[in-house]
Amino acid sequence: MKKLLIVLLCALNYSVFSQDTVKVASVLTPDQQAELDYNSGLEKLKNNDYTSAIDFFTKSIVSKPTFDKALINRAVALTQAKRYVEACADINSVIKLTPQNAEAYFTKSLIFFNEGKKDSQLVALDKCIGINPNHAEASYYRGLLMYENGEYKTAIESYNKAIMAKADYAYAYNDRASAKRAMDDLPGAIADYEKAISLDGNQAFVYNNLGSAYRENKNLPKAIESYGKALGINPKYFIAQNNRGSANLENGNAKNAQADFEEVLKKDPNNSSAYNGLASVAIKNKEYQKAKDMSTKAIQLNAKNGPAYYNRGIAKQMLREDEGCCQDWKQALQLGVLAAKSFINTDCSE
């Protein structure tokens, strides 16, 4: 997800922000030269100039081969540059020098994250947490892995540890909320999303998540309000605008729903979800040919848009295209739209 990319960038730079710059004298010894180059490397890394950062950290390591902070941060820069083999070699050197270096194992877990090696990532995170149980980022990333595996209770336990270690960890509150939502604890999810917002109110995706939790909890006015706040932060956040359109439609306001979906299409003419949203509005207004046309356009843009097949099936049924509607509902069911099953059972022959 986009959010995960934002969090990843924050976490990858964790070593940068956790290392203090080192003051150096005017007459430099080899160690002091290493520290000067290290400080320059940190500045380049903070500015996302990974090539220059790698060069400065390399100079630092040449002057001081056992400089573990320089090795760790060069591994971070190498990871950002997608040079994973070299990054892992640096971290292994640090672990050889300082076997109980929790930060080295955390950085190693991020390398595995980028490589998609989830099992290795988990091993590295567990090693990090074993050395430093209060490593907030390691517990958070462990929670992400558990969530992706559908182990929501275990994910919550990891997020709890992250929050205990870092009380203002807004991302951990947001993701714990999502795990609670997956377990149908909507009041708990809403409380956590609101806590995340109180800690950092500039993240549009958290307001969007809060809106969806309110929507699932049948509080449509609060859902619409939350989606609106997400759009206030990022007017091009099409997911939130589509969601607000759907919430408006569920709340009986087809006019506002249509306005939301049309606004998305003004900014993103190839947005499949917005076309399907207009199909839903057309069905609500009993404009079945329009509904068929809009859902067909949605499918043309995204052949895996299950709700669009579902809506087109309804439109075809109302247009007396019985065979076509059953084909669409069956496709919708294959794509995970469980509501299609009742139509198939009632209106379609085997």
Protein backbone atom coordinates (compact mmCIF):
# COMPACT_ATOMS: atom_id res chain seq x y z
CA MET A 1 0.00 0.00 0.00
CA LYS A 2 1.06 3.78 -0.39
CA LYS A 3 1.05 4.07 3.32
CA LEU A 4 3.50 1.21 3.62
CA LEU A 5 5.86 2.95 1.25
CA ILE A 6 5.72 6.10 3.44
CA VAL A 7 6.34 4.07 6.58
CA LEU A 8 9.17 2.18 4.87
CA LEU A 9 10.95 5.41 3.98
CA CYS A 10 10.59 6.57 7.59
CA ALA A 11 11.89 3.27 8.92
CA LEU A 12 14.77 3.06 6.48
CA ASN A 13 15.92 6.44 7.71
CA TYR A 14 15.54 5.40 11.34
CA SER A 15 19.24 4.67 11.65
CA VAL A 16 19.99 8.09 10.26
CA PHE A 17 17.92 9.95 12.80
CA SER A 18 18.98 7.72 15.67
CA GLN A 19 22.69 8.44 15.18
CA ASP A 20 24.08 11.64 16.65
CA THR A 21 26.48 13.61 14.48
CA VAL A 22 30.01 13.68 15.89
CA LYS A 23 31.97 16.87 16.61
CA VAL A 24 35.47 16.89 15.11
CA ALA A 25 38.64 18.88 15.78
CA SER A 26 40.45 21.12 13.29
CA VAL A 27 43.49 18.78 13.09
CA LEU A 28 42.05 15.45 12.10
CA THR A 29 43.23 12.01 13.09
CA PRO A 30 42.09 9.06 10.92
CA ASP A 31 39.22 8.43 13.35
CA GLN A 32 38.17 12.07 13.21
CA GLN A 33 38.30 12.07 9.41
CA ALA A 34 36.08 8.98 9.52
CA GLU A 35 33.63 10.85 11.72
CA LEU A 36 33.63 13.90 9.43
CA ASP A 37 32.88 11.76 6.37
CA TYR A 38 30.24 9.89 8.38
CA ASN A 39 28.48 13.16 9.26
CA SER A 40 28.54 14.18 5.58
CA GLY A 41 27.09 10.81 4.66
CA LEU A 42 24.22 11.33 7.09
CA GLU A 43 23.38 14.67 5.52
CA LYS A 44 23.35 13.17 2.04
CA LEU A 45 21.21 10.27 3.22
CA LYS A 46 18.70 12.63 4.85
CA ASN A 47 18.46 14.43 1.50
CA ASN A 48 17.92 11.13 -0.37
CA ASP A 49 21.22 11.50 -2.24
CA TYR A 50 22.08 7.83 -1.88
CA THR A 51 25.05 7.71 -4.25
CA SER A 52 26.85 10.52 -2.43
CA ALA A 53 25.90 9.03 0.93
CA ILE A 54 27.42 5.70 -0.04
CA ASP A 55 30.61 7.46 -1.15
CA PHE A 56 30.99 9.35 2.14
CA PHE A 57 30.25 6.29 4.26
CA THR A 58 32.78 4.33 2.22
CA LYS A 59 35.43 6.98 2.90
CA SER A 60 34.54 6.82 6.58
CA ILE A 61 34.89 3.03 6.65
CA VAL A 62 38.24 3.17 4.83
CA SER A 63 39.53 5.47 7.57
CA LYS A 64 37.95 3.39 10.33
CA PRO A 65 37.07 -0.17 9.22
CA THR A 66 35.30 -1.02 12.50
CA PHE A 67 32.97 2.02 12.39
CA ASP A 68 29.67 0.18 12.91
CA LYS A 69 27.45 3.25 12.54
CA ALA A 70 28.95 4.00 9.14
CA LEU A 71 28.48 0.40 8.05
CA ILE A 72 24.83 0.39 9.15
CA ASN A 73 24.03 3.65 7.42
CA ARG A 74 25.86 2.61 4.27
CA ALA A 75 23.63 -0.48 4.31
CA VAL A 76 20.59 1.82 4.58
CA ALA A 77 21.81 3.87 1.59
CA LEU A 78 22.60 0.72 -0.38
CA THR A 79 19.12 -0.62 0.38
CA GLN A 80 17.54 2.57 -0.92
CA ALA A 81 19.70 2.19 -4.04
CA LYS A 82 18.43 -1.44 -4.36
CA ARG A 83 21.94 -2.85 -3.94
CA TYR A 84 20.76 -5.50 -1.51
CA VAL A 85 23.69 -7.94 -1.65
CA GLU A 86 26.14 -5.20 -0.71
CA ALA A 87 23.80 -3.90 1.98
CA CYS A 88 23.52 -7.35 3.54
CA ALA A 89 27.32 -7.73 3.46
CA ASP A 90 27.69 -4.49 5.45
CA ILE A 91 25.17 -5.63 8.04
CA ASN A 92 26.85 -9.01 8.39
CA SER A 93 30.12 -7.18 9.03
CA VAL A 94 28.46 -5.17 11.80
CA ILE A 95 26.98 -8.30 13.37
CA LYS A 96 30.42 -9.92 13.29
CA LEU A 97 31.89 -6.86 15.04
CA THR A 98 29.01 -6.40 17.52
CA PRO A 99 26.84 -9.54 17.74
CA GLN A 100 24.33 -7.87 20.07
CA ASN A 101 23.67 -4.88 17.82
CA ALA A 102 19.88 -4.65 17.64
CA GLU A 103 19.95 -1.89 15.05
CA ALA A 104 21.95 -4.08 12.69
CA TYR A 105 19.31 -6.79 12.80
CA PHE A 106 16.53 -4.23 12.26
CA THR A 107 18.31 -2.83 9.22
CA LYS A 108 18.81 -6.37 7.96
CA SER A 109 15.06 -6.95 8.29
CA LEU A 110 14.44 -3.94 6.06
CA ILE A 111 16.75 -5.34 3.42
CA PHE A 112 14.73 -8.57 3.45
CA PHE A 113 11.52 -6.49 3.35
CA ASN A 114 12.67 -4.88 0.12
CA GLU A 115 13.62 -8.23 -1.33
CA GLY A 116 10.26 -9.74 -0.43
CA LYS A 117 11.87 -12.36 1.83
CA LYS A 118 9.25 -12.37 4.56
CA ASP A 119 10.52 -15.43 6.45
CA SER A 120 14.03 -13.98 6.66
CA GLN A 121 12.60 -10.62 7.62
CA LEU A 122 10.73 -12.18 10.54
CA VAL A 123 13.86 -13.98 11.77
CA ALA A 124 15.80 -10.71 11.72
CA LEU A 125 13.01 -8.83 13.52
CA ASP A 126 12.76 -11.48 16.22
CA LYS A 127 16.52 -11.33 16.72
CA CYS A 128 16.35 -7.54 17.03
CA ILE A 129 13.51 -7.70 19.55
CA GLY A 130 15.31 -10.44 21.48
CA ILE A 131 18.27 -8.09 21.93
CA ASN A 132 16.16 -4.97 22.51
CA PRO A 133 12.55 -5.70 23.54
CA ASN A 134 11.81 -1.96 23.43
CA HIS A 135 12.68 -1.52 19.76
CA ALA A 136 9.45 0.13 18.63
CA GLU A 137 10.07 -0.08 14.89
CA ALA A 138 10.93 -3.77 15.00
CA SER A 139 7.71 -4.56 16.87
CA TYR A 140 5.77 -2.42 14.40
CA TYR A 141 7.20 -4.21 11.38
CA ARG A 142 6.53 -7.54 13.02
CA GLY A 143 2.92 -6.42 13.37
CA LEU A 144 2.79 -5.63 9.66
CA LEU A 145 3.98 -9.13 8.80
CA MET A 146 1.43 -10.75 11.11
CA TYR A 147 -1.34 -8.61 9.64
CA GLU A 148 -0.39 -9.60 6.09
CA ASN A 149 -0.53 -13.24 7.19
CA GLY A 150 -4.04 -12.76 8.58
CA GLU A 151 -2.81 -13.27 12.15
CA TYR A 152 -4.64 -10.24 13.48
CA LYS A 153 -4.47 -11.06 17.19
CA THR A 154 -0.71 -11.57 17.01
CA ALA A 155 -0.40 -8.37 14.97
CA ILE A 156 -2.21 -6.44 17.71
CA GLU A 157 0.19 -7.86 20.29
CA SER A 158 3.13 -6.58 18.25
CA TYR A 159 1.55 -3.16 17.78
CA ASN A 160 0.91 -3.05 21.54
CA LYS A 161 4.64 -3.55 22.15
CA ALA A 162 5.50 -0.85 19.62
CA ILE A 163 3.16 1.60 21.36
CA MET A 164 4.50 0.69 24.81
CA ALA A 165 8.00 1.48 23.55
CA LYS A 166 6.94 4.65 21.73
CA ALA A 167 3.75 6.21 23.11
CA ASP A 168 3.38 8.70 20.24
CA TYR A 169 3.71 6.10 17.46
CA ALA A 170 0.88 7.25 15.19
CA TYR A 171 1.49 4.59 12.51
CA ALA A 172 1.27 1.84 15.12
CA TYR A 173 -2.10 3.15 16.35
CA ASN A 174 -3.37 3.31 12.74
CA ASP A 175 -2.29 -0.23 11.95
CA ARG A 176 -3.52 -1.62 15.26
CA ALA A 177 -6.87 -0.05 14.37
CA SER A 178 -6.87 -1.87 11.03
CA ALA A 179 -6.16 -5.17 12.78
CA LYS A 180 -9.01 -4.51 15.21
CA ARG A 181 -11.24 -3.69 12.26
CA ALA A 182 -10.35 -7.02 10.69
CA MET A 183 -11.51 -8.67 13.92
CA ASP A 184 -14.81 -6.71 13.84
CA ASP A 185 -13.83 -4.59 16.84
CA LEU A 186 -15.11 -1.40 15.26
CA PRO A 187 -15.28 0.72 18.46
CA GLY A 188 -11.68 -0.25 19.23
CA ALA A 189 -10.62 0.53 15.67
CA ILE A 190 -12.31 3.94 15.72
CA ALA A 191 -10.63 4.81 19.03
CA ASP A 192 -7.21 3.87 17.64
CA TYR A 193 -7.69 5.78 14.38
CA GLU A 194 -8.72 8.84 16.36
CA LYS A 195 -5.67 8.45 18.60
CA ALA A 196 -3.43 8.26 15.51
CA ILE A 197 -5.02 11.47 14.23
CA SER A 198 -4.50 13.21 17.58
CA LEU A 199 -0.78 12.37 17.29
CA ASP A 200 -0.43 13.25 13.60
CA GLY A 201 -3.37 14.93 11.93
CA ASN A 202 -1.70 15.37 8.56
CA GLN A 203 -2.10 11.84 7.20
CA ALA A 204 -5.01 11.63 4.76
CA PHE A 205 -5.03 7.82 4.75
CA VAL A 206 -5.78 7.70 8.50
CA TYR A 207 -8.89 9.88 8.04
CA ASN A 208 -9.90 7.61 5.15
CA ASN A 209 -9.46 4.55 7.36
CA LEU A 210 -11.47 6.22 10.12
CA GLY A 211 -14.22 6.98 7.61
CA SER A 212 -14.37 3.36 6.53
CA ALA A 213 -14.58 2.20 10.16
CA TYR A 214 -17.46 4.61 10.78
CA ARG A 215 -19.12 3.41 7.58
CA GLU A 216 -18.88 -0.23 8.67
CA ASN A 217 -20.28 0.85 12.05
CA LYS A 218 -23.30 2.38 10.23
CA ASN A 219 -22.41 5.94 11.24
CA LEU A 220 -22.60 7.38 7.74
CA PRO A 221 -22.53 11.11 8.67
CA LYS A 222 -19.25 10.61 10.57
CA ALA A 223 -17.89 8.52 7.71
CA ILE A 224 -18.68 11.28 5.20
CA GLU A 225 -17.09 13.85 7.50
CA SER A 226 -13.92 11.79 7.87
CA TYR A 227 -13.57 11.21 4.13
CA GLY A 228 -13.99 14.96 3.67
CA LYS A 229 -11.12 15.62 6.08
CA ALA A 230 -8.93 13.21 4.11
CA LEU A 231 -9.74 15.18 0.96
CA GLY A 232 -8.99 18.43 2.78
CA ILE A 233 -5.45 17.17 3.29
CA ASN A 234 -5.10 15.67 -0.18
CA PRO A 235 -7.71 16.72 -2.78
CA LYS A 236 -6.33 14.10 -5.19
CA TYR A 237 -6.89 11.23 -2.78
CA PHE A 238 -9.28 9.41 -5.11
CA ILE A 239 -9.83 6.47 -2.77
CA ALA A 240 -11.32 8.81 -0.16
CA GLN A 241 -13.49 10.59 -2.73
CA ASN A 242 -14.80 7.30 -4.10
CA ASN A 243 -15.45 6.14 -0.56
CA ARG A 244 -17.29 9.35 0.27
CA GLY A 245 -19.38 8.88 -2.86
CA SER A 246 -20.34 5.38 -1.73
CA ALA A 247 -21.13 6.61 1.79
CA ASN A 248 -23.27 9.42 0.36
CA LEU A 249 -25.17 6.90 -1.73
CA GLU A 250 -25.72 4.62 1.27
CA ASN A 251 -26.91 7.68 3.20
CA GLY A 252 -29.57 8.32 0.55
CA ASN A 253 -27.89 11.26 -1.14
CA ALA A 254 -27.48 10.15 -4.75
CA LYS A 255 -26.83 13.71 -5.92
CA ASN A 256 -23.78 14.17 -3.68
CA ALA A 257 -22.60 10.66 -4.51
CA GLN A 258 -22.73 11.41 -8.22
CA ALA A 259 -20.84 14.66 -7.66
CA ASP A 260 -18.08 12.78 -5.84
CA PHE A 261 -17.67 10.16 -8.56
CA GLU A 262 -17.74 12.77 -11.32
CA GLU A 263 -15.12 14.84 -9.48
CA VAL A 264 -12.83 11.82 -9.41
CA LEU A 265 -13.23 11.33 -13.15
CA LYS A 266 -12.41 14.98 -13.84
CA LYS A 267 -9.03 14.43 -12.19
CA ASP A 268 -8.54 10.77 -13.13
CA PRO A 269 -10.51 9.85 -16.28
CA ASN A 270 -9.43 6.20 -16.10
CA ASN A 271 -10.63 5.55 -12.57
CA SER A 272 -12.52 2.25 -12.71
CA SER A 273 -14.00 2.62 -9.22
CA ALA A 274 -15.54 5.99 -10.05
CA TYR A 275 -17.26 4.59 -13.15
CA ASN A 276 -18.67 1.78 -11.06
CA GLY A 277 -19.79 4.35 -8.50
CA LEU A 278 -21.76 6.09 -11.23
CA ALA A 279 -23.24 2.71 -12.15
CA SER A 280 -24.44 2.36 -8.54
CA VAL A 281 -26.01 5.82 -8.69
CA ALA A 282 -27.72 4.94 -11.98
CA ILE A 283 -29.16 1.76 -10.46
CA LYS A 284 -30.43 3.82 -7.53
CA ASN A 285 -32.08 6.18 -10.05
CA LYS A 286 -33.42 3.22 -12.09
CA GLU A 287 -31.36 4.28 -15.12
CA TYR A 288 -30.39 0.74 -16.05
CA GLN A 289 -28.91 1.33 -19.50
CA LYS A 290 -26.65 4.01 -18.02
CA ALA A 291 -25.76 1.63 -15.21
CA LYS A 292 -24.80 -1.03 -17.74
CA ASP A 293 -22.72 1.45 -19.73
CA MET A 294 -20.90 2.80 -16.65
CA SER A 295 -20.14 -0.64 -15.20
CA THR A 296 -18.95 -1.85 -18.62
CA LYS A 297 -16.55 1.10 -18.77
CA ALA A 298 -15.34 0.21 -15.28
CA ILE A 299 -14.65 -3.37 -16.39
CA GLN A 300 -12.85 -2.21 -19.52
CA LEU A 301 -10.52 -0.19 -17.29
CA ASN A 302 -10.09 -2.96 -14.72
CA ALA A 303 -11.11 -6.50 -15.62
CA LYS A 304 -10.84 -7.50 -11.93
CA ASN A 305 -13.37 -4.97 -10.67
CA GLY A 306 -15.77 -7.43 -9.02
CA PRO A 307 -18.35 -4.84 -7.88
CA ALA A 308 -18.62 -3.61 -11.47
CA TYR A 309 -19.60 -7.11 -12.67
CA TYR A 310 -22.10 -7.24 -9.81
CA ASN A 311 -23.68 -3.92 -10.82
CA ARG A 312 -23.71 -4.82 -14.50
CA GLY A 313 -25.46 -8.05 -13.62
CA ILE A 314 -28.20 -6.09 -11.85
CA ALA A 315 -28.50 -3.68 -14.78
CA LYS A 316 -28.71 -6.55 -17.28
CA GLN A 317 -31.37 -8.28 -15.22
CA MET A 318 -33.50 -5.14 -15.21
CA LEU A 319 -32.95 -4.87 -18.97
CA ARG A 320 -34.12 -8.49 -19.31
CA GLU A 321 -30.69 -9.76 -20.41
CA ASP A 322 -31.01 -12.82 -18.21
CA GLU A 323 -28.12 -14.91 -19.53
CA GLY A 324 -25.71 -11.99 -19.41
CA CYS A 325 -26.61 -11.08 -15.85
CA CYS A 326 -25.83 -14.55 -14.55
CA GLN A 327 -22.44 -14.55 -16.27
CA ASP A 328 -21.61 -11.24 -14.62
CA TRP A 329 -22.71 -12.35 -11.16
CA LYS A 330 -20.66 -15.52 -11.42
CA GLN A 331 -17.64 -13.45 -12.39
CA ALA A 332 -18.32 -11.08 -9.49
CA LEU A 333 -18.43 -14.01 -7.07
CA GLN A 334 -15.13 -15.34 -8.40
CA LEU A 335 -13.65 -11.91 -7.70
CA GLY A 336 -14.83 -11.99 -4.09
CA VAL A 337 -18.21 -10.21 -4.21
CA LEU A 338 -20.15 -12.51 -1.91
CA ALA A 339 -23.43 -10.62 -2.38
CA ALA A 340 -23.58 -12.02 -5.91
CA LYS A 341 -24.21 -15.50 -4.51
CA SER A 342 -27.80 -14.77 -3.53
CA PHE A 343 -28.60 -13.54 -7.06
CA ILE A 344 -26.99 -16.64 -8.55
CA ASN A 345 -28.95 -18.95 -6.25
CA THR A 346 -32.24 -17.17 -6.94
CA ASP A 347 -32.06 -16.25 -10.60
CA CYS A 348 -29.52 -18.47 -12.33
CA SER A 349 -29.66 -22.09 -13.36
CA GLU A 350 -26.60 -24.32 -12.93
